[in-house]
Protein backbone atom coordinates (compact mmCIF):
# COMPACT_ATOMS: atom_id res chain seq x y z
CA UNK A 1 0.00 0.00 0.00
CA UNK A 2 2.71 2.54 0.94
CA UNK A 3 4.83 4.11 -1.71
CA UNK A 4 7.91 6.24 -1.23
CA UNK A 5 8.37 8.85 1.48
CA UNK A 6 7.04 12.08 -0.01
CA UNK A 7 8.26 14.34 2.78
CA UNK A 8 9.12 14.71 6.44
CA UNK A 9 7.43 17.71 8.07
CA UNK A 10 9.11 19.85 10.69
CA UNK A 11 7.14 22.40 12.70
CA UNK A 12 9.07 25.65 13.14
CA UNK A 13 8.38 28.77 15.20
CA UNK A 14 9.91 31.08 12.57
CA UNK A 15 9.55 30.00 8.92
CA UNK A 16 11.82 32.74 7.60
CA UNK A 17 14.67 31.75 9.95
CA UNK A 18 14.20 28.03 9.24
CA UNK A 19 14.18 28.68 5.49
CA UNK A 20 17.40 30.68 5.79
CA UNK A 21 19.05 27.84 7.74
CA UNK A 22 18.25 25.28 5.07
CA UNK A 23 18.96 27.61 2.12
CA UNK A 24 21.95 29.62 3.35
CA UNK A 25 23.64 27.28 5.83
CA UNK A 26 22.91 23.89 4.26
CA UNK A 27 22.80 25.10 0.64
CA UNK A 28 19.41 23.56 -0.13
CA UNK A 29 16.87 24.69 -2.69
CA UNK A 30 13.78 25.95 -0.86
CA UNK A 31 10.39 26.76 -2.39
CA UNK A 32 8.50 30.01 -1.87
CA UNK A 33 6.16 30.09 1.14
CA UNK A 34 2.66 28.79 0.51
CA UNK A 35 -0.28 29.54 2.84
CA UNK A 36 -2.76 26.69 3.33
CA UNK A 37 -5.69 28.14 5.30
CA UNK A 38 -7.62 24.84 5.19
CA UNK A 39 -4.75 23.23 7.14
CA UNK A 40 -3.86 26.31 9.24
CA UNK A 41 -0.24 26.45 8.08
CA UNK A 42 2.25 28.22 5.90
CA UNK A 43 4.77 25.84 4.33
CA UNK A 44 7.96 25.75 2.33
CA UNK A 45 9.52 22.66 0.81
CA UNK A 46 13.23 21.90 0.97
CA UNK A 47 14.02 19.95 -2.21
CA UNK A 48 16.34 16.98 -1.80
CA UNK A 49 17.44 14.43 -4.41
CA UNK A 50 15.33 11.63 -2.90
CA UNK A 51 12.51 13.41 -0.99
CA UNK A 52 11.47 16.75 0.51
CA UNK A 53 11.46 18.37 3.93
CA UNK A 54 8.34 20.41 4.66
CA UNK A 55 8.79 23.32 7.07
CA UNK A 56 5.49 24.25 8.75
CA UNK A 57 4.64 27.49 10.52
CA UNK A 58 1.26 28.17 12.17
CA UNK A 59 -1.19 30.26 10.18
CA UNK A 60 -3.17 31.82 13.01
CA UNK A 61 -3.70 30.96 16.66
CA UNK A 62 -6.09 28.08 15.89
CA UNK A 63 -3.51 26.20 13.82
CA UNK A 64 -2.71 22.66 14.94
CA UNK A 65 0.94 23.66 14.52
CA UNK A 66 0.47 26.42 17.13
CA UNK A 67 -0.60 23.74 19.62
CA UNK A 68 2.38 21.58 18.65
CA UNK A 69 4.78 24.51 19.14
CA UNK A 70 3.21 25.34 22.51
CA UNK A 71 4.45 21.91 23.66
CA UNK A 72 7.67 22.09 21.61
CA UNK A 73 8.72 25.77 21.48
CA UNK A 74 11.86 25.11 19.43
CA UNK A 75 9.90 23.07 16.88
CA UNK A 76 10.51 19.49 15.81
CA UNK A 77 9.38 16.66 13.59
CA UNK A 78 5.63 16.88 13.09
CA UNK A 79 4.74 14.10 10.64
CA UNK A 80 5.94 11.83 7.86
CA UNK A 81 4.11 11.66 4.53
CA UNK A 82 3.89 8.51 2.42
CA UNK A 83 2.57 8.29 -1.11
CA UNK A 84 -0.31 5.92 -1.97
CA UNK A 85 -1.81 5.04 -5.33
CA UNK A 86 -5.45 5.27 -4.21
CA UNK A 87 -6.14 7.28 -1.07
CA UNK A 88 -9.76 6.11 -0.70
CA UNK A 89 -8.77 2.44 -0.98
CA UNK A 90 -5.95 3.05 1.52
CA UNK A 91 -8.36 4.80 3.91
CA UNK A 92 -10.87 1.97 3.69
CA UNK A 93 -8.24 -0.71 4.24
CA UNK A 94 -6.79 1.17 7.22
CA UNK A 95 -10.14 1.83 8.90
CA UNK A 96 -11.13 -1.84 8.42
CA UNK A 97 -7.89 -2.70 10.23
CA UNK A 98 -8.80 -0.39 13.12
CA UNK A 99 -6.61 2.61 12.26
CA UNK A 100 -8.12 6.03 12.94
CA UNK A 101 -8.26 8.67 10.23
CA UNK A 102 -8.25 12.20 11.63
CA UNK A 103 -10.99 14.67 10.76
CA UNK A 104 -14.11 13.48 9.00
CA UNK A 105 -12.30 10.78 7.03
CA UNK A 106 -12.58 12.61 3.73
CA UNK A 107 -9.37 13.69 1.98
CA UNK A 108 -8.45 17.36 1.86
CA UNK A 109 -6.29 19.01 -0.75
CA UNK A 110 -2.68 19.19 0.39
CA UNK A 111 0.18 21.52 -0.45
CA UNK A 112 0.92 19.66 -3.70
CA UNK A 113 -2.70 19.98 -4.86
CA UNK A 114 -3.32 16.28 -4.23
CA UNK A 115 -5.69 14.50 -1.80
CA UNK A 116 -4.27 13.89 1.69
CA UNK A 117 -5.37 12.19 4.90
CA UNK A 118 -3.81 12.06 8.35
CA UNK A 119 -3.71 8.98 10.57
CA UNK A 120 -3.81 9.10 14.36
CA UNK A 121 -0.31 8.95 15.87
CA UNK A 122 -1.43 6.60 18.66
CA UNK A 123 -2.07 3.95 16.00
CA UNK A 124 1.46 4.30 14.54
CA UNK A 125 3.96 4.29 17.39
CA UNK A 126 3.46 7.96 18.27
CA UNK A 127 4.05 9.25 14.74
CA UNK A 128 1.49 11.32 12.85
CA UNK A 129 1.20 9.83 9.36
CA UNK A 130 0.07 11.73 6.28
CA UNK A 131 -0.98 9.85 3.16
CA UNK A 132 -0.85 11.64 -0.18
CA UNK A 133 -2.34 10.23 -3.35
CA UNK A 134 0.01 10.09 -6.33
C-alpha cells in the first residue's frame, strides 16, 4: 500500500529563519512560502534528491501547529508523509484494520494539490502519518 516517502514535516516557530538555515547554511533549494488556510499552516519545501522536507509554521492561533509549538517551542518533527496510489482504498483498508483517520475521514487538498489524509499517531507508534495520493 505505501509508496515512497514524499516528505518529512518539521514544525518551526519562525519559517523565515528556518528557510534561511536550510537555504543559506545547508545550501538547499527551498520553495517560496505557501499559505494553506484549510490546514492552518504556511509551508515551504526543501528539495532533496530523494525526498522533501516540509517546514510548517502556524497560520493563526487556531492552527494545529500552534498547539504543537506550545508543547515544543523550538519546533521538531511533526509528521511523515507517504505516497499511496489510491487514497480512498488506503483509507478503507486502514479503517477496516482499526486505524483512525483524523478529521471526518474525507481527503483534503494538500500543499501539492493532491488529496491527503492524516492517521492518528497513537495507532502508529506515536508518529502522525500523512498519506498523499500520487
